[in-house]
Protein backbone atom coordinates (compact mmCIF):
# COMPACT_ATOMS: atom_id res chain seq x y z
CA SER A 1 97.49 -239.53 -125.77
CA PRO A 2 96.07 -236.70 -127.93
CA PRO A 3 92.30 -236.24 -128.03
CA PRO A 4 90.40 -237.99 -130.84
CA SER A 5 89.89 -236.25 -134.14
CA ASP A 6 86.24 -235.49 -133.36
CA HIS A 7 87.12 -233.83 -130.03
CA PRO A 8 86.13 -230.14 -129.85
CA LEU A 9 89.82 -229.16 -129.74
CA HIS A 10 90.39 -230.75 -133.16
CA ARG A 11 87.21 -229.53 -134.77
CA SER A 12 87.37 -227.09 -137.61
CA PRO A 13 85.93 -223.65 -136.73
CA GLU A 14 83.50 -223.87 -139.63
CA LEU A 15 81.82 -226.84 -137.91
CA ASP A 16 80.87 -224.73 -134.90
CA PRO A 17 77.45 -223.07 -134.82
CA PRO A 18 77.65 -219.49 -136.13
CA ALA A 19 77.83 -216.73 -133.57
CA MET A 20 74.77 -214.67 -132.80
CA THR A 21 74.75 -212.01 -135.50
CA ASP A 22 73.36 -208.49 -135.43
CA THR A 23 70.87 -209.62 -138.07
CA ALA A 24 69.57 -212.40 -135.83
CA ALA A 25 69.26 -210.03 -132.88
CA ILE A 26 67.38 -207.47 -135.00
CA ALA A 27 65.15 -210.22 -136.40
CA GLY A 28 64.24 -211.27 -132.87
CA ALA A 29 63.39 -207.68 -131.93
CA VAL A 30 61.24 -207.16 -135.03
CA ALA A 31 59.47 -210.48 -134.44
CA GLY A 32 58.69 -209.37 -130.89
CA GLY A 33 57.17 -206.11 -132.11
CA VAL A 34 55.01 -207.82 -134.72
CA GLU A 35 53.94 -210.41 -132.15
CA SER A 36 52.75 -207.68 -129.80
CA LEU A 37 50.58 -206.00 -132.43
CA VAL A 38 48.99 -209.25 -133.57
CA VAL A 39 48.25 -210.95 -130.25
CA GLN A 40 47.63 -207.97 -127.94
CA PRO A 41 43.80 -208.33 -127.95
CA LEU A 42 44.13 -212.02 -127.07
CA ASP A 43 46.72 -211.20 -124.42
CA MET A 44 44.33 -208.68 -122.90
CA ILE A 45 41.62 -211.35 -122.62
CA LYS A 46 44.12 -213.88 -121.26
CA THR A 47 45.25 -211.52 -118.50
CA ARG A 48 41.67 -210.66 -117.56
CA PHE A 49 40.86 -214.38 -117.34
CA GLN A 50 43.93 -215.02 -115.19
CA LEU A 51 43.11 -212.23 -112.74
CA SER A 52 39.43 -213.07 -112.45
CA THR A 53 38.31 -214.87 -109.31
CA GLY A 54 34.90 -215.77 -110.73
CA ALA A 55 33.65 -217.66 -113.76
CA ASN A 56 35.02 -216.35 -117.03
CA PRO A 57 32.87 -215.81 -120.12
CA SER A 58 33.67 -217.33 -123.49
CA MET A 59 36.39 -215.72 -125.58
CA LEU A 60 33.77 -214.10 -127.80
CA GLY A 61 31.90 -212.88 -124.73
CA ALA A 62 35.12 -211.39 -123.36
CA PHE A 63 35.69 -209.55 -126.64
CA ARG A 64 32.21 -208.07 -126.42
CA GLN A 65 32.71 -207.03 -122.81
CA LEU A 66 35.97 -205.28 -123.59
CA LEU A 67 34.47 -203.46 -126.57
CA ALA A 68 31.54 -202.33 -124.43
CA GLU A 69 33.95 -201.25 -121.70
CA GLY A 70 36.17 -199.00 -123.78
CA GLY A 71 35.86 -199.62 -127.50
CA VAL A 72 38.55 -201.06 -129.75
CA LEU A 73 41.30 -199.20 -127.90
CA ARG A 74 40.53 -201.15 -124.74
CA LEU A 75 41.77 -204.28 -126.52
CA TYR A 76 45.16 -202.59 -126.83
CA ARG A 77 45.46 -201.26 -123.29
CA GLY A 78 48.98 -202.05 -122.11
CA LEU A 79 50.32 -202.37 -125.66
CA LEU A 80 53.24 -199.99 -125.14
CA PRO A 81 54.98 -201.93 -122.33
CA GLU A 82 54.19 -205.20 -124.08
CA MET A 83 55.74 -204.00 -127.34
CA ALA A 84 58.63 -202.16 -125.71
CA GLY A 85 59.39 -205.24 -123.62
CA ASN A 86 58.88 -207.84 -126.34
CA MET A 87 61.66 -206.53 -128.55
CA PRO A 88 64.54 -206.71 -126.01
CA THR A 89 62.93 -209.79 -124.45
CA ARG A 90 63.03 -211.80 -127.66
CA THR A 91 66.57 -210.61 -128.32
CA ALA A 92 67.66 -211.72 -124.83
CA MET A 93 65.92 -215.07 -125.25
CA TYR A 94 67.48 -215.92 -128.62
CA ALA A 95 70.89 -214.52 -127.66
CA GLY A 96 70.90 -216.52 -124.41
CA LYS A 97 69.81 -219.70 -126.13
CA ASP A 98 72.32 -219.19 -128.94
CA PHE A 99 75.16 -218.58 -126.47
CA MET A 100 74.36 -221.72 -124.50
CA SER A 101 74.00 -223.83 -127.67
CA ARG A 102 77.47 -222.79 -128.82
CA PHE A 103 78.92 -223.32 -125.34
CA LEU A 104 77.50 -226.83 -125.11
CA ASP A 105 78.75 -227.59 -128.61
CA ARG A 106 82.29 -226.63 -127.57
CA GLN A 107 81.97 -228.98 -124.60
CA GLY A 108 81.28 -231.84 -126.97
CA TRP A 109 77.49 -232.13 -126.53
CA GLN A 110 76.31 -232.94 -130.02
CA HIS A 111 73.22 -231.34 -131.47
CA SER A 112 70.06 -233.00 -130.19
CA SER A 113 66.56 -232.15 -129.01
CA ALA A 114 67.73 -232.44 -125.40
CA ARG A 115 70.60 -230.01 -125.97
CA GLU A 116 68.41 -227.46 -127.73
CA GLY A 117 65.78 -227.77 -125.02
CA PHE A 118 68.35 -227.23 -122.28
CA ALA A 119 69.86 -224.26 -124.11
CA GLY A 120 66.37 -222.80 -124.49
CA MET A 121 65.74 -223.18 -120.77
CA CYS A 122 68.94 -221.27 -120.02
CA GLY A 123 67.80 -218.49 -122.35
CA GLY A 124 64.72 -218.05 -120.17
CA VAL A 125 66.76 -216.47 -117.36
CA PRO A 126 68.05 -213.37 -119.19
CA GLU A 127 64.66 -213.17 -120.88
CA ALA A 128 62.94 -212.95 -117.48
CA LEU A 129 65.34 -210.28 -116.22
CA VAL A 130 64.52 -208.11 -119.22
CA THR A 131 60.77 -208.68 -119.44
CA THR A 132 59.60 -208.59 -115.80
CA PRO A 133 59.47 -204.78 -115.34
CA PHE A 134 57.50 -204.43 -118.57
CA GLN A 135 55.18 -207.25 -117.56
CA VAL A 136 54.41 -205.61 -114.21
CA VAL A 137 53.26 -202.41 -115.95
CA LYS A 138 51.33 -204.36 -118.59
CA VAL A 139 49.45 -206.49 -116.05
CA ARG A 140 48.58 -203.42 -113.96
CA MET A 141 47.24 -201.67 -117.07
CA GLN A 142 45.15 -204.70 -118.06
CA ASN A 143 43.71 -205.26 -114.59
CA LYS A 144 40.03 -204.34 -114.77
CA GLU A 145 40.05 -203.09 -111.17
CA LEU A 146 42.74 -200.52 -111.98
CA VAL A 147 41.36 -198.98 -115.19
CA SER A 148 40.44 -195.75 -113.41
CA LEU A 149 43.71 -195.57 -111.47
CA TYR A 150 46.17 -195.45 -114.34
CA ARG A 151 45.61 -192.96 -117.16
CA SER A 152 48.46 -194.24 -119.32
CA ASP A 153 51.41 -196.62 -119.34
CA LEU A 154 53.75 -193.84 -118.19
CA ASP A 155 51.34 -192.82 -115.44
CA CYS A 156 51.23 -196.43 -114.27
CA LEU A 157 55.02 -196.70 -114.20
CA LEU A 158 55.45 -193.48 -112.25
CA LYS A 159 52.76 -194.36 -109.70
CA VAL A 160 54.24 -197.81 -109.13
CA LEU A 161 57.67 -196.29 -108.55
CA GLN A 162 56.29 -193.59 -106.27
CA SER A 163 54.05 -195.76 -104.11
CA GLU A 164 55.91 -199.10 -104.11
CA GLY A 165 59.49 -198.39 -105.12
CA ALA A 166 61.65 -199.78 -107.91
CA SER A 167 61.61 -203.28 -106.40
CA ALA A 168 57.93 -203.57 -107.37
CA LEU A 169 59.02 -203.73 -111.01
CA LEU A 170 60.68 -207.07 -110.26
CA ALA A 171 57.57 -208.61 -108.71
CA GLY A 172 57.15 -212.18 -109.89
CA LEU A 173 60.69 -212.47 -111.30
CA PRO A 174 61.28 -216.07 -110.11
CA THR A 175 57.88 -217.16 -111.44
CA THR A 176 58.51 -215.37 -114.73
CA ALA A 177 61.88 -217.11 -115.05
CA ALA A 178 60.26 -220.51 -114.37
CA ARG A 179 57.53 -219.76 -116.93
CA ASN A 180 60.06 -218.78 -119.58
CA MET A 181 62.38 -221.70 -118.88
CA VAL A 182 59.54 -224.21 -119.21
CA TRP A 183 58.19 -222.66 -122.40
CA ASN A 184 61.60 -222.22 -124.04
CA GLY A 185 62.75 -225.71 -123.13
CA VAL A 186 59.69 -227.38 -124.60
CA TYR A 187 59.57 -225.02 -127.59
CA PHE A 188 63.16 -225.35 -128.79
CA GLY A 189 63.32 -229.03 -127.93
CA THR A 190 60.14 -229.71 -129.91
CA ILE A 191 61.32 -227.72 -132.91
CA SER A 192 64.56 -229.69 -132.96
CA ALA A 193 62.70 -233.01 -132.64
CA ILE A 194 60.25 -232.18 -135.45
CA SER A 195 62.98 -230.84 -137.74
CA SER A 196 65.18 -233.91 -137.26
CA ARG A 197 62.32 -236.22 -138.17
CA ALA A 198 61.17 -234.15 -141.14
CA GLY A 199 64.36 -234.77 -143.11
CA GLY A 200 66.40 -232.22 -145.02
CA SER A 201 65.37 -228.61 -145.16
CA LYS A 202 63.30 -227.41 -148.09
CA GLU A 203 63.86 -224.24 -150.02
CA GLY A 204 61.40 -221.57 -151.09
CA VAL A 205 57.79 -221.27 -150.04
CA ALA A 206 57.50 -224.92 -148.99
CA GLY A 207 60.43 -224.54 -146.62
CA GLU A 208 59.04 -221.36 -145.07
CA LEU A 209 55.60 -222.92 -144.63
CA ARG A 210 57.16 -225.92 -142.92
CA LYS A 211 59.08 -223.62 -140.56
CA LEU A 212 55.86 -221.75 -139.82
CA GLY A 213 53.97 -224.95 -139.11
CA THR A 214 56.77 -226.32 -136.94
CA GLY A 215 56.97 -223.13 -134.89
CA LEU A 216 53.19 -222.96 -134.49
CA ALA A 217 52.95 -226.57 -133.32
CA ALA A 218 55.88 -226.17 -130.93
CA GLY A 219 54.45 -222.94 -129.50
CA ILE A 220 51.03 -224.46 -128.83
CA PHE A 221 52.61 -227.53 -127.24
CA ALA A 222 54.90 -225.41 -125.03
CA THR A 223 52.01 -223.25 -123.82
CA CYS A 224 50.31 -226.34 -122.42
CA PHE A 225 53.20 -226.68 -119.97
CA ASN A 226 53.84 -223.08 -118.94
CA ALA A 227 50.26 -221.84 -118.55
CA PRO A 228 50.08 -222.49 -114.77
CA PHE A 229 53.24 -220.44 -114.24
CA ASP A 230 51.79 -217.65 -116.37
CA VAL A 231 48.64 -217.50 -114.25
CA ALA A 232 50.72 -217.32 -111.07
CA LYS A 233 52.87 -214.58 -112.60
CA SER A 234 49.87 -212.42 -113.44
CA ARG A 235 48.37 -212.89 -109.96
CA ILE A 236 51.66 -211.87 -108.34
CA GLN A 237 52.14 -208.83 -110.55
CA GLN A 238 48.68 -207.34 -110.14
CA ASP A 239 48.23 -204.42 -107.77
CA ARG A 240 49.37 -205.41 -104.28
CA ALA A 241 46.25 -203.88 -102.85
CA THR A 242 44.13 -206.44 -104.72
CA ALA A 243 46.55 -209.39 -104.64
């Protein structure tokens, strides 16, 4: 007998999720760049905390220590690899998640929080492949023990390649993939769950504020789950001589 009318083979093309557009890819890249500029000082403190083997100071104390160590510019040490990596990383994440969402939709898996979470997890794999080399350079630059070793981001990259080989740029890849998969799965699944319970979408400023609040809440919630993987990633990617 022929498949039912709601089977994917009988569905109208306009019912399928739209394909990943160039605009969406560019938006992801721009968002990654803005994210880097805004959160870099906090990321610097986070990495220092993760690499420390002793008691960490308060966040305010860490800010003061970094300013005393090298001024305002010290807060932005490692910005270039973080920014250069964030743009293609976010594009890979959203493109991977979008591809999997559309694939699952064609297989008949209706839109749900579980589907969006699973699609997000799948997007964490290409994201990790793109971001790991940038993360290795960033972590090395932010490591307090290596401040005098690397003069710049490019100097760090060249020294890593010269002394450890290209494979060193993939250090921590499995852990990075696990970190991204956990975060993406919780993040996209939570956004879908909140949106489905919030009712129809709103237009204008109210709608944008609701999107902002939903994304913020989902991001904070997801970080609670992936933080242990992020600590392990930073420890793996620090200089092998100090690991």
